[in-house]
Full PDB file with SEQRES, HELIX, SHEET, SSBOND, CRYST1, ORIGX, SCALE, CONECT and MASTER records, all heavy atoms in Angstrom:
SEQRES   1 A   31  VAL SER SER GLN TYR PRO ARG ARG ARG ARG THR THR THR          
SEQRES   2 A   31  TRP ALA PRO ALA ALA ASP GLY LEU ARG VAL ARG SER ARG          
SEQRES   3 A   31  VAL ALA ASP THR THR                                          
CRYST1    1.000    1.000    1.000  90.00  90.00  90.00 P 1           1          
ORIGX1      1.000000  0.000000  0.000000        0.00000                         
ORIGX2      0.000000  1.000000  0.000000        0.00000                         
ORIGX3      0.000000  0.000000  1.000000        0.00000                         
SCALE1      1.000000  0.000000  0.000000        0.00000                         
SCALE2      0.000000  1.000000  0.000000        0.00000                         
SCALE3      0.000000  0.000000  1.000000        0.00000                         
ATOM      1  N   VAL A   1      -6.682  -3.688   6.118  1.00  0.00           N  
ATOM      2  CA  VAL A   1      -7.926  -4.387   5.667  1.00  0.00           C  
ATOM      3  C   VAL A   1      -8.247  -5.582   6.638  1.00  0.00           C  
ATOM      4  O   VAL A   1      -7.466  -5.932   7.493  1.00  0.00           O  
ATOM      5  CB  VAL A   1      -7.757  -5.010   4.249  1.00  0.00           C  
ATOM      6  CG1 VAL A   1      -7.490  -3.900   3.295  1.00  0.00           C  
ATOM      7  CG2 VAL A   1      -6.681  -6.000   4.113  1.00  0.00           C  
ATOM      8  N   SER A   2      -9.458  -6.060   6.464  1.00  0.00           N  
ATOM      9  CA  SER A   2      -9.933  -7.176   7.426  1.00  0.00           C  
ATOM     10  C   SER A   2      -9.080  -8.339   7.438  1.00  0.00           C  
ATOM     11  O   SER A   2      -8.337  -8.713   6.417  1.00  0.00           O  
ATOM     12  CB  SER A   2     -11.315  -7.665   6.879  1.00  0.00           C  
ATOM     13  OG  SER A   2     -11.717  -8.843   7.506  1.00  0.00           O  
ATOM     14  N   SER A   3      -8.816  -8.913   8.615  1.00  0.00           N  
ATOM     15  CA  SER A   3      -8.010  -9.962   8.792  1.00  0.00           C  
ATOM     16  C   SER A   3      -8.579 -11.297   8.245  1.00  0.00           C  
ATOM     17  O   SER A   3      -8.033 -12.465   8.347  1.00  0.00           O  
ATOM     18  CB  SER A   3      -7.614 -10.279  10.290  1.00  0.00           C  
ATOM     19  OG  SER A   3      -8.808 -10.553  11.018  1.00  0.00           O  
ATOM     20  N   GLN A   4      -9.729 -11.270   7.605  1.00  0.00           N  
ATOM     21  CA  GLN A   4     -10.428 -12.552   7.109  1.00  0.00           C  
ATOM     22  C   GLN A   4     -10.012 -12.807   5.551  1.00  0.00           C  
ATOM     23  O   GLN A   4     -10.738 -13.492   5.053  1.00  0.00           O  
ATOM     24  CB  GLN A   4     -11.954 -12.258   7.272  1.00  0.00           C  
ATOM     25  CG  GLN A   4     -12.516 -12.134   8.663  1.00  0.00           C  
ATOM     26  CD  GLN A   4     -11.945 -13.253   9.524  1.00  0.00           C  
ATOM     27  OE1 GLN A   4     -12.178 -14.350   9.201  1.00  0.00           O  
ATOM     28  NE2 GLN A   4     -11.293 -12.993  10.594  1.00  0.00           N  
ATOM     29  N   TYR A   5      -8.878 -12.135   5.175  1.00  0.00           N  
ATOM     30  CA  TYR A   5      -8.427 -12.449   3.805  1.00  0.00           C  
ATOM     31  C   TYR A   5      -9.569 -12.419   2.727  1.00  0.00           C  
ATOM     32  O   TYR A   5      -9.859 -13.492   2.192  1.00  0.00           O  
ATOM     33  CB  TYR A   5      -7.761 -13.857   3.742  1.00  0.00           C  
ATOM     34  CG  TYR A   5      -6.445 -13.873   4.438  1.00  0.00           C  
ATOM     35  CD1 TYR A   5      -6.297 -14.452   5.676  1.00  0.00           C  
ATOM     36  CD2 TYR A   5      -5.357 -13.245   3.948  1.00  0.00           C  
ATOM     37  CE1 TYR A   5      -5.119 -14.510   6.373  1.00  0.00           C  
ATOM     38  CE2 TYR A   5      -4.084 -13.251   4.564  1.00  0.00           C  
ATOM     39  CZ  TYR A   5      -4.002 -13.923   5.780  1.00  0.00           C  
ATOM     40  OH  TYR A   5      -2.870 -13.985   6.475  1.00  0.00           O  
ATOM     41  N   PRO A   6     -10.200 -11.348   2.563  1.00  0.00           N  
ATOM     42  CA  PRO A   6     -11.279 -11.244   1.634  1.00  0.00           C  
ATOM     43  C   PRO A   6     -10.799 -11.580   0.220  1.00  0.00           C  
ATOM     44  O   PRO A   6      -9.613 -11.092  -0.058  1.00  0.00           O  
ATOM     45  CB  PRO A   6     -11.744  -9.802   1.657  1.00  0.00           C  
ATOM     46  CG  PRO A   6     -10.711  -9.052   2.194  1.00  0.00           C  
ATOM     47  CD  PRO A   6      -9.911  -9.976   3.235  1.00  0.00           C  
ATOM     48  N   ARG A   7     -11.538 -12.153  -0.556  1.00  0.00           N  
ATOM     49  CA  ARG A   7     -11.134 -12.487  -1.990  1.00  0.00           C  
ATOM     50  C   ARG A   7     -11.169 -11.106  -2.826  1.00  0.00           C  
ATOM     51  O   ARG A   7     -12.144 -10.410  -2.682  1.00  0.00           O  
ATOM     52  CB  ARG A   7     -12.101 -13.484  -2.617  1.00  0.00           C  
ATOM     53  CG  ARG A   7     -11.887 -14.883  -1.955  1.00  0.00           C  
ATOM     54  CD  ARG A   7     -10.649 -15.481  -2.257  1.00  0.00           C  
ATOM     55  NE  ARG A   7     -10.527 -15.865  -3.743  1.00  0.00           N  
ATOM     56  CZ  ARG A   7      -9.439 -16.337  -4.342  1.00  0.00           C  
ATOM     57  NH1 ARG A   7      -8.378 -16.713  -3.608  1.00  0.00           N  
ATOM     58  NH2 ARG A   7      -9.436 -16.636  -5.597  1.00  0.00           N  
ATOM     59  N   ARG A   8     -10.069 -10.746  -3.509  1.00  0.00           N  
ATOM     60  CA  ARG A   8     -10.105  -9.467  -4.262  1.00  0.00           C  
ATOM     61  C   ARG A   8     -10.687  -9.736  -5.571  1.00  0.00           C  
ATOM     62  O   ARG A   8     -10.374 -10.721  -6.237  1.00  0.00           O  
ATOM     63  CB  ARG A   8      -8.623  -9.042  -4.332  1.00  0.00           C  
ATOM     64  CG  ARG A   8      -8.039  -8.583  -2.912  1.00  0.00           C  
ATOM     65  CD  ARG A   8      -6.613  -8.013  -3.231  1.00  0.00           C  
ATOM     66  NE  ARG A   8      -5.899  -7.794  -1.984  1.00  0.00           N  
ATOM     67  CZ  ARG A   8      -6.258  -6.873  -1.027  1.00  0.00           C  
ATOM     68  NH1 ARG A   8      -7.100  -5.980  -1.320  1.00  0.00           N  
ATOM     69  NH2 ARG A   8      -5.374  -6.745  -0.021  1.00  0.00           N  
ATOM     70  N   ARG A   9     -11.398  -8.720  -6.011  1.00  0.00           N  
ATOM     71  CA  ARG A   9     -11.951  -8.885  -7.416  1.00  0.00           C  
ATOM     72  C   ARG A   9     -10.747  -8.605  -8.461  1.00  0.00           C  
ATOM     73  O   ARG A   9     -10.298  -7.487  -8.362  1.00  0.00           O  
ATOM     74  CB  ARG A   9     -13.058  -7.925  -7.685  1.00  0.00           C  
ATOM     75  CG  ARG A   9     -14.309  -8.307  -6.776  1.00  0.00           C  
ATOM     76  CD  ARG A   9     -15.456  -7.296  -7.020  1.00  0.00           C  
ATOM     77  NE  ARG A   9     -15.869  -7.518  -8.555  1.00  0.00           N  
ATOM     78  CZ  ARG A   9     -16.613  -6.690  -9.192  1.00  0.00           C  
ATOM     79  NH1 ARG A   9     -17.134  -5.640  -8.526  1.00  0.00           N  
ATOM     80  NH2 ARG A   9     -16.926  -6.886 -10.452  1.00  0.00           N  
ATOM     81  N   ARG A  10     -10.528  -9.532  -9.213  1.00  0.00           N  
ATOM     82  CA  ARG A  10      -9.347  -9.450 -10.161  1.00  0.00           C  
ATOM     83  C   ARG A  10      -9.668  -8.752 -11.457  1.00  0.00           C  
ATOM     84  O   ARG A  10      -8.894  -8.577 -12.306  1.00  0.00           O  
ATOM     85  CB  ARG A  10      -8.749 -10.793 -10.326  1.00  0.00           C  
ATOM     86  CG  ARG A  10      -8.429 -11.639  -9.176  1.00  0.00           C  
ATOM     87  CD  ARG A  10      -7.466 -11.151  -8.340  1.00  0.00           C  
ATOM     88  NE  ARG A  10      -6.171 -11.098  -9.177  1.00  0.00           N  
ATOM     89  CZ  ARG A  10      -5.056 -10.411  -8.545  1.00  0.00           C  
ATOM     90  NH1 ARG A  10      -5.041  -9.946  -7.521  1.00  0.00           N  
ATOM     91  NH2 ARG A  10      -3.962 -10.383  -9.322  1.00  0.00           N  
ATOM     92  N   THR A  11     -10.874  -8.187 -11.508  1.00  0.00           N  
ATOM     93  CA  THR A  11     -11.309  -7.553 -12.742  1.00  0.00           C  
ATOM     94  C   THR A  11     -11.170  -5.979 -12.596  1.00  0.00           C  
ATOM     95  O   THR A  11     -11.568  -5.345 -13.539  1.00  0.00           O  
ATOM     96  CB  THR A  11     -12.748  -7.866 -13.098  1.00  0.00           C  
ATOM     97  OG1 THR A  11     -13.661  -7.474 -11.954  1.00  0.00           O  
ATOM     98  CG2 THR A  11     -12.964  -9.349 -13.317  1.00  0.00           C  
ATOM     99  N   THR A  12     -10.707  -5.488 -11.510  1.00  0.00           N  
ATOM    100  CA  THR A  12     -10.701  -4.125 -11.374  1.00  0.00           C  
ATOM    101  C   THR A  12      -9.218  -3.555 -11.083  1.00  0.00           C  
ATOM    102  O   THR A  12      -8.341  -4.378 -10.697  1.00  0.00           O  
ATOM    103  CB  THR A  12     -11.407  -3.591 -10.118  1.00  0.00           C  
ATOM    104  OG1 THR A  12     -10.921  -4.284  -8.865  1.00  0.00           O  
ATOM    105  CG2 THR A  12     -12.930  -3.900 -10.280  1.00  0.00           C  
ATOM    106  N   THR A  13      -8.988  -2.389 -11.368  1.00  0.00           N  
ATOM    107  CA  THR A  13      -7.648  -1.761 -11.102  1.00  0.00           C  
ATOM    108  C   THR A  13      -7.912  -0.469 -10.235  1.00  0.00           C  
ATOM    109  O   THR A  13      -8.782   0.296 -10.473  1.00  0.00           O  
ATOM    110  CB  THR A  13      -7.090  -1.180 -12.541  1.00  0.00           C  
ATOM    111  OG1 THR A  13      -6.715  -2.386 -13.255  1.00  0.00           O  
ATOM    112  CG2 THR A  13      -5.735  -0.639 -12.179  1.00  0.00           C  
ATOM    113  N   TRP A  14      -7.119  -0.348  -9.251  1.00  0.00           N  
ATOM    114  CA  TRP A  14      -7.205   0.732  -8.243  1.00  0.00           C  
ATOM    115  C   TRP A  14      -5.827   1.254  -7.979  1.00  0.00           C  
ATOM    116  O   TRP A  14      -4.807   0.553  -7.726  1.00  0.00           O  
ATOM    117  CB  TRP A  14      -7.921   0.254  -6.925  1.00  0.00           C  
ATOM    118  CG  TRP A  14      -7.865   1.378  -5.961  1.00  0.00           C  
ATOM    119  CD1 TRP A  14      -8.858   2.439  -5.887  1.00  0.00           C  
ATOM    120  CD2 TRP A  14      -7.018   1.627  -5.012  1.00  0.00           C  
ATOM    121  NE1 TRP A  14      -8.531   3.205  -4.836  1.00  0.00           N  
ATOM    122  CE2 TRP A  14      -7.390   2.754  -4.286  1.00  0.00           C  
ATOM    123  CE3 TRP A  14      -5.819   0.979  -4.588  1.00  0.00           C  
ATOM    124  CZ2 TRP A  14      -6.750   3.280  -3.171  1.00  0.00           C  
ATOM    125  CZ3 TRP A  14      -5.092   1.494  -3.480  1.00  0.00           C  
ATOM    126  CH2 TRP A  14      -5.610   2.587  -2.790  1.00  0.00           C  
ATOM    127  N   ALA A  15      -5.733   2.655  -7.907  1.00  0.00           N  
ATOM    128  CA  ALA A  15      -4.575   3.328  -7.532  1.00  0.00           C  
ATOM    129  C   ALA A  15      -4.936   4.716  -7.193  1.00  0.00           C  
ATOM    130  O   ALA A  15      -5.670   5.337  -7.973  1.00  0.00           O  
ATOM    131  CB  ALA A  15      -3.387   3.257  -8.534  1.00  0.00           C  
ATOM    132  N   PRO A  16      -4.462   5.421  -6.189  1.00  0.00           N  
ATOM    133  CA  PRO A  16      -4.656   6.820  -5.993  1.00  0.00           C  
ATOM    134  C   PRO A  16      -3.906   7.487  -6.875  1.00  0.00           C  
ATOM    135  O   PRO A  16      -2.891   7.124  -7.537  1.00  0.00           O  
ATOM    136  CB  PRO A  16      -4.228   7.038  -4.510  1.00  0.00           C  
ATOM    137  CG  PRO A  16      -3.141   5.981  -4.305  1.00  0.00           C  
ATOM    138  CD  PRO A  16      -3.636   4.847  -5.108  1.00  0.00           C  
ATOM    139  N   ALA A  17      -4.121   8.794  -7.074  1.00  0.00           N  
ATOM    140  CA  ALA A  17      -3.262   9.720  -7.890  1.00  0.00           C  
ATOM    141  C   ALA A  17      -1.890   9.864  -7.177  1.00  0.00           C  
ATOM    142  O   ALA A  17      -1.832   9.886  -5.934  1.00  0.00           O  
ATOM    143  CB  ALA A  17      -3.895  11.118  -7.963  1.00  0.00           C  
ATOM    144  N   ALA A  18      -0.818   9.717  -7.879  1.00  0.00           N  
ATOM    145  CA  ALA A  18       0.597   9.777  -7.397  1.00  0.00           C  
ATOM    146  C   ALA A  18       0.916  11.089  -6.981  1.00  0.00           C  
ATOM    147  O   ALA A  18       1.787  11.319  -6.139  1.00  0.00           O  
ATOM    148  CB  ALA A  18       1.495   9.168  -8.397  1.00  0.00           C  
ATOM    149  N   ASP A  19       0.309  12.243  -7.638  1.00  0.00           N  
ATOM    150  CA  ASP A  19       0.701  13.532  -7.196  1.00  0.00           C  
ATOM    151  C   ASP A  19       0.417  13.746  -5.799  1.00  0.00           C  
ATOM    152  O   ASP A  19      -0.606  13.425  -5.315  1.00  0.00           O  
ATOM    153  CB  ASP A  19      -0.068  14.471  -8.021  1.00  0.00           C  
ATOM    154  CG  ASP A  19       0.091  14.452  -9.439  1.00  0.00           C  
ATOM    155  OD1 ASP A  19       1.280  14.048  -9.903  1.00  0.00           O  
ATOM    156  OD2 ASP A  19      -0.708  14.799 -10.357  1.00  0.00           O  
ATOM    157  N   GLY A  20       1.456  14.317  -5.142  1.00  0.00           N  
ATOM    158  CA  GLY A  20       1.381  14.527  -3.634  1.00  0.00           C  
ATOM    159  C   GLY A  20       1.720  13.322  -2.793  1.00  0.00           C  
ATOM    160  O   GLY A  20       1.848  13.526  -1.613  1.00  0.00           O  
ATOM    161  N   LEU A  21       2.031  12.240  -3.319  1.00  0.00           N  
ATOM    162  CA  LEU A  21       2.540  11.134  -2.694  1.00  0.00           C  
ATOM    163  C   LEU A  21       4.036  11.301  -2.183  1.00  0.00           C  
ATOM    164  O   LEU A  21       4.806  11.697  -3.158  1.00  0.00           O  
ATOM    165  CB  LEU A  21       2.395   9.810  -3.512  1.00  0.00           C  
ATOM    166  CG  LEU A  21       2.292   8.505  -2.651  1.00  0.00           C  
ATOM    167  CD1 LEU A  21       1.208   8.393  -1.775  1.00  0.00           C  
ATOM    168  CD2 LEU A  21       2.395   7.293  -3.634  1.00  0.00           C  
ATOM    169  N   ARG A  22       4.310  11.055  -0.955  1.00  0.00           N  
ATOM    170  CA  ARG A  22       5.755  11.270  -0.609  1.00  0.00           C  
ATOM    171  C   ARG A  22       6.399   9.989  -0.104  1.00  0.00           C  
ATOM    172  O   ARG A  22       5.659   9.210   0.533  1.00  0.00           O  
ATOM    173  CB  ARG A  22       5.728  12.385   0.497  1.00  0.00           C  
ATOM    174  CG  ARG A  22       5.336  13.827   0.009  1.00  0.00           C  
ATOM    175  CD  ARG A  22       5.794  14.849   1.133  1.00  0.00           C  
ATOM    176  NE  ARG A  22       4.923  14.761   2.367  1.00  0.00           N  
ATOM    177  CZ  ARG A  22       3.773  15.344   2.442  1.00  0.00           C  
ATOM    178  NH1 ARG A  22       3.298  16.199   1.453  1.00  0.00           N  
ATOM    179  NH2 ARG A  22       2.985  15.276   3.514  1.00  0.00           N  
ATOM    180  N   VAL A  23       7.621   9.833  -0.394  1.00  0.00           N  
ATOM    181  CA  VAL A  23       8.353   8.655  -0.091  1.00  0.00           C  
ATOM    182  C   VAL A  23       9.545   9.046   0.757  1.00  0.00           C  
ATOM    183  O   VAL A  23      10.345   9.888   0.248  1.00  0.00           O  
ATOM    184  CB  VAL A  23       8.677   7.845  -1.305  1.00  0.00           C  
ATOM    185  CG1 VAL A  23       9.517   6.609  -0.768  1.00  0.00           C  
ATOM    186  CG2 VAL A  23       7.499   7.416  -2.011  1.00  0.00           C  
ATOM    187  N   ARG A  24       9.796   8.521   1.969  1.00  0.00           N  
ATOM    188  CA  ARG A  24      11.016   8.863   2.727  1.00  0.00           C  
ATOM    189  C   ARG A  24      11.693   7.504   3.228  1.00  0.00           C  
ATOM    190  O   ARG A  24      10.952   6.766   3.823  1.00  0.00           O  
ATOM    191  CB  ARG A  24      10.690   9.786   3.835  1.00  0.00           C  
ATOM    192  CG  ARG A  24      11.788  10.084   4.620  1.00  0.00           C  
ATOM    193  CD  ARG A  24      11.610  10.686   6.027  1.00  0.00           C  
ATOM    194  NE  ARG A  24      12.868  11.016   6.743  1.00  0.00           N  
ATOM    195  CZ  ARG A  24      12.973  11.152   8.119  1.00  0.00           C  
ATOM    196  NH1 ARG A  24      11.783  11.257   8.735  1.00  0.00           N  
ATOM    197  NH2 ARG A  24      14.177  11.463   8.614  1.00  0.00           N  
ATOM    198  N   SER A  25      12.882   7.308   2.875  1.00  0.00           N  
ATOM    199  CA  SER A  25      13.642   6.166   3.383  1.00  0.00           C  
ATOM    200  C   SER A  25      14.744   6.748   4.384  1.00  0.00           C  
ATOM    201  O   SER A  25      15.547   7.607   3.904  1.00  0.00           O  
ATOM    202  CB  SER A  25      14.320   5.413   2.261  1.00  0.00           C  
ATOM    203  OG  SER A  25      13.405   4.721   1.437  1.00  0.00           O  
ATOM    204  N   ARG A  26      14.798   6.208   5.526  1.00  0.00           N  
ATOM    205  CA  ARG A  26      15.775   6.597   6.422  1.00  0.00           C  
ATOM    206  C   ARG A  26      16.370   5.320   7.177  1.00  0.00           C  
ATOM    207  O   ARG A  26      15.718   4.361   7.345  1.00  0.00           O  
ATOM    208  CB  ARG A  26      15.179   7.576   7.517  1.00  0.00           C  
ATOM    209  CG  ARG A  26      14.121   6.930   8.386  1.00  0.00           C  
ATOM    210  CD  ARG A  26      13.392   7.987   9.282  1.00  0.00           C  
ATOM    211  NE  ARG A  26      12.673   7.366  10.344  1.00  0.00           N  
ATOM    212  CZ  ARG A  26      11.355   7.030  10.164  1.00  0.00           C  
ATOM    213  NH1 ARG A  26      10.795   7.141   8.930  1.00  0.00           N  
ATOM    214  NH2 ARG A  26      10.664   6.518  11.212  1.00  0.00           N  
ATOM    215  N   VAL A  27      17.613   5.509   7.732  1.00  0.00           N  
ATOM    216  CA  VAL A  27      18.163   4.315   8.395  1.00  0.00           C  
ATOM    217  C   VAL A  27      17.540   4.127   9.670  1.00  0.00           C  
ATOM    218  O   VAL A  27      17.073   5.129  10.424  1.00  0.00           O  
ATOM    219  CB  VAL A  27      19.770   4.707   8.663  1.00  0.00           C  
ATOM    220  CG1 VAL A  27      20.311   3.563   9.569  1.00  0.00           C  
ATOM    221  CG2 VAL A  27      20.480   4.763   7.366  1.00  0.00           C  
ATOM    222  N   ALA A  28      17.252   2.874  10.095  1.00  0.00           N  
ATOM    223  CA  ALA A  28      16.572   2.441  11.222  1.00  0.00           C  
ATOM    224  C   ALA A  28      17.597   1.831  12.236  1.00  0.00           C  
ATOM    225  O   ALA A  28      18.460   1.047  11.825  1.00  0.00           O  
ATOM    226  CB  ALA A  28      15.336   1.543  10.929  1.00  0.00           C  
ATOM    227  N   ASP A  29      17.300   1.940  13.520  1.00  0.00           N  
ATOM    228  CA  ASP A  29      18.167   1.416  14.564  1.00  0.00           C  
ATOM    229  C   ASP A  29      17.403   0.070  15.110  1.00  0.00           C  
ATOM    230  O   ASP A  29      16.778   0.186  16.168  1.00  0.00           O  
ATOM    231  CB  ASP A  29      18.320   2.337  15.684  1.00  0.00           C  
ATOM    232  CG  ASP A  29      19.250   1.834  16.747  1.00  0.00           C  
ATOM    233  OD1 ASP A  29      20.129   0.877  16.477  1.00  0.00           O  
ATOM    234  OD2 ASP A  29      19.337   2.435  17.774  1.00  0.00           O  
ATOM    235  N   THR A  30      17.455  -1.000  14.288  1.00  0.00           N  
ATOM    236  CA  THR A  30      16.839  -2.129  14.748  1.00  0.00           C  
ATOM    237  C   THR A  30      17.619  -3.366  14.122  1.00  0.00           C  
ATOM    238  O   THR A  30      18.180  -3.288  13.030  1.00  0.00           O  
ATOM    239  CB  THR A  30      15.383  -2.320  14.398  1.00  0.00           C  
ATOM    240  OG1 THR A  30      14.915  -3.594  14.850  1.00  0.00           O  
ATOM    241  CG2 THR A  30      15.169  -2.171  12.863  1.00  0.00           C  
ATOM    242  N   THR A  31      17.796  -4.464  14.840  1.00  0.00           N  
ATOM    243  CA  THR A  31      18.394  -5.666  14.432  1.00  0.00           C  
ATOM    244  C   THR A  31      17.435  -6.812  14.201  1.00  0.00           C  
ATOM    245  O   THR A  31      17.837  -7.963  14.169  1.00  0.00           O  
ATOM    246  CB  THR A  31      19.681  -5.987  15.243  1.00  0.00           C  
ATOM    247  OG1 THR A  31      19.290  -6.238  16.583  1.00  0.00           O  
ATOM    248  CG2 THR A  31      20.731  -5.065  15.215  1.00  0.00           C  
TER     249      THR A  31                                                      
MASTER        0    0    0    0    0    0    0    6  248    1    0    3          
END                                                                             
């Protein structure tokens, strides 16, 4: 989103459908 920190409207709820959402956690090579 924009770097201007837009004020979010706190009266709404938003979320995409979770069906089809994939989550993958893997070990990373970084310190």
